[in-house]
Amino acid sequence: MRAEPDKTPLSPASRRILGAVITAIRPRGHGFDQPIDADVLAEIERFLPFLPAPLRLGLPLGLRLLELGPLLFARRACRFSSMAPAEGCAYLARWQDAGGLRGALLMGLRTLVFLGFYQHPAVLSALGVDWAGRATALVRRRAELLDGRAA
């Protein structure tokens, strides 16, 4: 049995930046407008200790680069976390298009956000997904099939 890694919570600055990333990336509209950003952030923080050490250690540095990126890459005198959500979304799209390490960082962040977002019970409910009900139905059907084979 594998022990849970030591939990190293994010610093307040990293949490603020990651919160802005979640606000900019997560889907909106079509039943996805639930106020779950804090839950998504908590889910990402629960997942971080299970990342490989280089990713776990590099993420705070990548978040700082993302935060200061408007000044460095867009020649704007602001921080990413202070941008409006639509502006932040456009900024992140440019990061993805840049490729290289910036693109890889953004793809990793998008993956973390989408994992936390699409596994939230409110989102699963809005999508009509009931994993427990599906598992029960499949087990029941398998039992019926096995019962019929025994007869």
C-alpha atoms as a PDB file:
ATOM      1  CA  MET A   1       0.000   0.000   0.000  1.00  0.00           C
ATOM      2  CA  ARG A   2       1.441   3.334  -1.052  1.00  0.00           C
ATOM      3  CA  ALA A   3       1.568   6.023   1.608  1.00  0.00           C
ATOM      4  CA  GLU A   4       0.230   9.465   0.854  1.00  0.00           C
ATOM      5  CA  PRO A   5       3.061  11.937   0.131  1.00  0.00           C
ATOM      6  CA  ASP A   6       3.742  14.795   2.498  1.00  0.00           C
ATOM      7  CA  LYS A   7       1.329  17.622   1.865  1.00  0.00           C
ATOM      8  CA  THR A   8       3.042  20.849   0.980  1.00  0.00           C
ATOM      9  CA  PRO A   9       0.326  23.464   0.646  1.00  0.00           C
ATOM     10  CA  LEU A  10       0.735  26.248  -1.845  1.00  0.00           C
ATOM     11  CA  SER A  11       1.767  29.652  -0.618  1.00  0.00           C
ATOM     12  CA  PRO A  12      -0.940  32.334  -0.488  1.00  0.00           C
ATOM     13  CA  ALA A  13       0.571  33.977  -3.586  1.00  0.00           C
ATOM     14  CA  SER A  14       0.520  30.681  -5.519  1.00  0.00           C
ATOM     15  CA  ARG A  15      -3.069  30.066  -4.424  1.00  0.00           C
ATOM     16  CA  ARG A  16      -4.073  33.547  -5.641  1.00  0.00           C
ATOM     17  CA  ILE A  17      -2.423  32.992  -9.035  1.00  0.00           C
ATOM     18  CA  LEU A  18      -3.891  29.505  -9.374  1.00  0.00           C
ATOM     19  CA  GLY A  19      -7.318  30.919  -8.465  1.00  0.00           C
ATOM     20  CA  ALA A  20      -6.983  33.426 -11.315  1.00  0.00           C
ATOM     21  CA  VAL A  21      -5.972  30.569 -13.649  1.00  0.00           C
ATOM     22  CA  ILE A  22      -9.088  28.620 -12.640  1.00  0.00           C
ATOM     23  CA  THR A  23     -11.289  31.668 -13.218  1.00  0.00           C
ATOM     24  CA  ALA A  24      -9.810  32.166 -16.687  1.00  0.00           C
ATOM     25  CA  ILE A  25      -9.762  28.513 -17.811  1.00  0.00           C
ATOM     26  CA  ARG A  26     -12.830  26.806 -16.395  1.00  0.00           C
ATOM     27  CA  PRO A  27     -15.856  26.435 -18.687  1.00  0.00           C
ATOM     28  CA  ARG A  28     -18.726  28.899 -18.375  1.00  0.00           C
ATOM     29  CA  GLY A  29     -22.346  28.778 -19.517  1.00  0.00           C
ATOM     30  CA  HIS A  30     -24.392  25.703 -20.483  1.00  0.00           C
ATOM     31  CA  GLY A  31     -24.993  24.749 -16.837  1.00  0.00           C
ATOM     32  CA  PHE A  32     -21.349  25.230 -15.774  1.00  0.00           C
ATOM     33  CA  ASP A  33     -21.789  28.516 -13.914  1.00  0.00           C
ATOM     34  CA  GLN A  34     -21.779  26.968 -10.452  1.00  0.00           C
ATOM     35  CA  PRO A  35     -19.711  28.832  -7.829  1.00  0.00           C
ATOM     36  CA  ILE A  36     -17.165  26.024  -7.462  1.00  0.00           C
ATOM     37  CA  ASP A  37     -13.830  27.758  -8.103  1.00  0.00           C
ATOM     38  CA  ALA A  38     -12.773  27.289  -4.460  1.00  0.00           C
ATOM     39  CA  ASP A  39     -13.650  23.584  -4.664  1.00  0.00           C
ATOM     40  CA  VAL A  40     -11.618  23.204  -7.866  1.00  0.00           C
ATOM     41  CA  LEU A  41      -8.648  24.925  -6.189  1.00  0.00           C
ATOM     42  CA  ALA A  42      -8.951  22.607  -3.178  1.00  0.00           C
ATOM     43  CA  GLU A  43      -9.088  19.555  -5.474  1.00  0.00           C
ATOM     44  CA  ILE A  44      -5.960  20.696  -7.316  1.00  0.00           C
ATOM     45  CA  GLU A  45      -4.178  21.210  -3.995  1.00  0.00           C
ATOM     46  CA  ARG A  46      -5.179  17.691  -2.911  1.00  0.00           C
ATOM     47  CA  PHE A  47      -3.736  16.324  -6.159  1.00  0.00           C
ATOM     48  CA  LEU A  48      -0.429  18.249  -6.146  1.00  0.00           C
ATOM     49  CA  PRO A  49       1.404  15.991  -3.651  1.00  0.00           C
ATOM     50  CA  PHE A  50       0.983  13.095  -6.094  1.00  0.00           C
ATOM     51  CA  LEU A  51       2.746  14.869  -8.964  1.00  0.00           C
ATOM     52  CA  PRO A  52       6.337  13.866  -9.717  1.00  0.00           C
ATOM     53  CA  ALA A  53       8.840  15.902  -7.691  1.00  0.00           C
ATOM     54  CA  PRO A  54      10.115  18.050 -10.598  1.00  0.00           C
ATOM     55  CA  LEU A  55       6.560  19.115 -11.485  1.00  0.00           C
ATOM     56  CA  ARG A  56       5.612  19.680  -7.862  1.00  0.00           C
ATOM     57  CA  LEU A  57       8.667  21.865  -7.284  1.00  0.00           C
ATOM     58  CA  GLY A  58       8.443  23.669 -10.628  1.00  0.00           C
ATOM     59  CA  LEU A  59       4.768  24.578 -10.431  1.00  0.00           C
ATOM     60  CA  PRO A  60       5.203  27.525  -8.019  1.00  0.00           C
ATOM     61  CA  LEU A  61       7.959  28.913 -10.262  1.00  0.00           C
ATOM     62  CA  GLY A  62       5.734  28.509 -13.318  1.00  0.00           C
ATOM     63  CA  LEU A  63       2.902  30.277 -11.523  1.00  0.00           C
ATOM     64  CA  ARG A  64       5.217  33.207 -10.712  1.00  0.00           C
ATOM     65  CA  LEU A  65       6.275  33.382 -14.366  1.00  0.00           C
ATOM     66  CA  LEU A  66       2.630  33.371 -15.382  1.00  0.00           C
ATOM     67  CA  GLU A  67       1.886  36.129 -12.867  1.00  0.00           C
ATOM     68  CA  LEU A  68       4.680  38.378 -14.134  1.00  0.00           C
ATOM     69  CA  GLY A  69       4.215  37.354 -17.766  1.00  0.00           C
ATOM     70  CA  PRO A  70       2.160  40.379 -18.856  1.00  0.00           C
ATOM     71  CA  LEU A  71       5.092  42.600 -17.943  1.00  0.00           C
ATOM     72  CA  LEU A  72       7.660  40.299 -19.564  1.00  0.00           C
ATOM     73  CA  PHE A  73       5.820  39.019 -22.643  1.00  0.00           C
ATOM     74  CA  ALA A  74       2.931  41.401 -23.339  1.00  0.00           C
ATOM     75  CA  ARG A  75       4.553  44.681 -22.272  1.00  0.00           C
ATOM     76  CA  ARG A  76       1.653  45.447 -19.946  1.00  0.00           C
ATOM     77  CA  ALA A  77       2.204  46.909 -16.514  1.00  0.00           C
ATOM     78  CA  CYS A  78      -0.101  44.531 -14.645  1.00  0.00           C
ATOM     79  CA  ARG A  79      -0.088  41.103 -13.085  1.00  0.00           C
ATOM     80  CA  PHE A  80      -2.003  38.148 -14.460  1.00  0.00           C
ATOM     81  CA  SER A  81      -4.096  37.778 -11.298  1.00  0.00           C
ATOM     82  CA  SER A  82      -5.334  41.368 -11.629  1.00  0.00           C
ATOM     83  CA  MET A  83      -6.627  40.900 -15.188  1.00  0.00           C
ATOM     84  CA  ALA A  84     -10.345  40.594 -15.921  1.00  0.00           C
ATOM     85  CA  PRO A  85     -11.365  36.954 -16.616  1.00  0.00           C
ATOM     86  CA  ALA A  86     -11.877  37.541 -20.356  1.00  0.00           C
ATOM     87  CA  GLU A  87      -8.524  39.317 -20.600  1.00  0.00           C
ATOM     88  CA  GLY A  88      -6.858  36.510 -18.650  1.00  0.00           C
ATOM     89  CA  CYS A  89      -8.409  33.914 -20.934  1.00  0.00           C
ATOM     90  CA  ALA A  90      -7.024  35.688 -24.025  1.00  0.00           C
ATOM     91  CA  TYR A  91      -3.630  36.026 -22.342  1.00  0.00           C
ATOM     92  CA  LEU A  92      -3.540  32.299 -21.563  1.00  0.00           C
ATOM     93  CA  ALA A  93      -4.510  31.484 -25.165  1.00  0.00           C
ATOM     94  CA  ARG A  94      -1.416  33.396 -26.302  1.00  0.00           C
ATOM     95  CA  TRP A  95       0.674  31.360 -23.851  1.00  0.00           C
ATOM     96  CA  GLN A  96      -0.663  28.139 -25.326  1.00  0.00           C
ATOM     97  CA  ASP A  97       0.096  29.364 -28.853  1.00  0.00           C
ATOM     98  CA  ALA A  98       3.657  30.279 -27.783  1.00  0.00           C
ATOM     99  CA  GLY A  99       4.541  26.588 -27.353  1.00  0.00           C
ATOM    100  CA  GLY A 100       7.742  25.548 -25.623  1.00  0.00           C
ATOM    101  CA  LEU A 101       7.868  25.684 -21.853  1.00  0.00           C
ATOM    102  CA  ARG A 102       5.118  28.306 -21.647  1.00  0.00           C
ATOM    103  CA  GLY A 103       2.782  26.141 -23.704  1.00  0.00           C
ATOM    104  CA  ALA A 104       3.663  23.061 -21.636  1.00  0.00           C
ATOM    105  CA  LEU A 105       3.020  24.951 -18.388  1.00  0.00           C
ATOM    106  CA  LEU A 106      -0.354  26.108 -19.635  1.00  0.00           C
ATOM    107  CA  MET A 107      -1.344  22.625 -20.818  1.00  0.00           C
ATOM    108  CA  GLY A 108      -0.440  21.234 -17.385  1.00  0.00           C
ATOM    109  CA  LEU A 109      -2.490  23.921 -15.657  1.00  0.00           C
ATOM    110  CA  ARG A 110      -5.443  23.343 -18.004  1.00  0.00           C
ATOM    111  CA  THR A 111      -5.272  19.625 -17.238  1.00  0.00           C
ATOM    112  CA  LEU A 112      -5.306  20.226 -13.483  1.00  0.00           C
ATOM    113  CA  VAL A 113      -8.202  22.690 -13.745  1.00  0.00           C
ATOM    114  CA  PHE A 114     -10.282  20.423 -15.977  1.00  0.00           C
ATOM    115  CA  LEU A 115      -9.655  17.377 -13.756  1.00  0.00           C
ATOM    116  CA  GLY A 116     -10.839  19.279 -10.700  1.00  0.00           C
ATOM    117  CA  PHE A 117     -13.732  20.924 -12.526  1.00  0.00           C
ATOM    118  CA  TYR A 118     -15.228  17.973 -14.376  1.00  0.00           C
ATOM    119  CA  GLN A 119     -15.100  15.689 -11.323  1.00  0.00           C
ATOM    120  CA  HIS A 120     -17.049  18.122  -9.137  1.00  0.00           C
ATOM    121  CA  PRO A 121     -20.459  16.654  -8.170  1.00  0.00           C
ATOM    122  CA  ALA A 122     -22.360  19.767  -9.352  1.00  0.00           C
ATOM    123  CA  VAL A 123     -20.752  19.563 -12.809  1.00  0.00           C
ATOM    124  CA  LEU A 124     -21.325  15.814 -13.064  1.00  0.00           C
ATOM    125  CA  SER A 125     -24.959  16.415 -12.155  1.00  0.00           C
ATOM    126  CA  ALA A 126     -25.283  19.170 -14.781  1.00  0.00           C
ATOM    127  CA  LEU A 127     -23.852  16.752 -17.349  1.00  0.00           C
ATOM    128  CA  GLY A 128     -26.229  13.997 -16.268  1.00  0.00           C
ATOM    129  CA  VAL A 129     -23.374  11.711 -15.182  1.00  0.00           C
ATOM    130  CA  ASP A 130     -24.078   9.291 -12.335  1.00  0.00           C
ATOM    131  CA  TRP A 131     -21.031   7.064 -11.935  1.00  0.00           C
ATOM    132  CA  ALA A 132     -22.409   5.239  -8.887  1.00  0.00           C
ATOM    133  CA  GLY A 133     -25.739   4.568 -10.608  1.00  0.00           C
ATOM    134  CA  ARG A 134     -23.940   3.349 -13.734  1.00  0.00           C
ATOM    135  CA  ALA A 135     -21.763   0.993 -11.697  1.00  0.00           C
ATOM    136  CA  THR A 136     -24.827  -0.400  -9.911  1.00  0.00           C
ATOM    137  CA  ALA A 137     -26.634  -0.975 -13.215  1.00  0.00           C
ATOM    138  CA  LEU A 138     -23.613  -2.733 -14.728  1.00  0.00           C
ATOM    139  CA  VAL A 139     -23.152  -4.983 -11.699  1.00  0.00           C
ATOM    140  CA  ARG A 140     -26.870  -5.839 -11.771  1.00  0.00           C
ATOM    141  CA  ARG A 141     -26.704  -6.641 -15.502  1.00  0.00           C
ATOM    142  CA  ARG A 142     -23.613  -8.803 -15.039  1.00  0.00           C
ATOM    143  CA  ALA A 143     -25.315 -10.707 -12.233  1.00  0.00           C
ATOM    144  CA  GLU A 144     -28.329 -11.300 -14.531  1.00  0.00           C
ATOM    145  CA  LEU A 145     -26.063 -12.592 -17.287  1.00  0.00           C
ATOM    146  CA  LEU A 146     -24.170 -14.863 -14.929  1.00  0.00           C
ATOM    147  CA  ASP A 147     -27.408 -16.112 -13.399  1.00  0.00           C
ATOM    148  CA  GLY A 148     -28.753 -16.920 -16.865  1.00  0.00           C
ATOM    149  CA  ARG A 149     -25.591 -18.824 -17.764  1.00  0.00           C
ATOM    150  CA  ALA A 150     -25.821 -20.949 -14.610  1.00  0.00           C
ATOM    151  CA  ALA A 151     -29.348 -22.106 -15.487  1.00  0.00           C
END
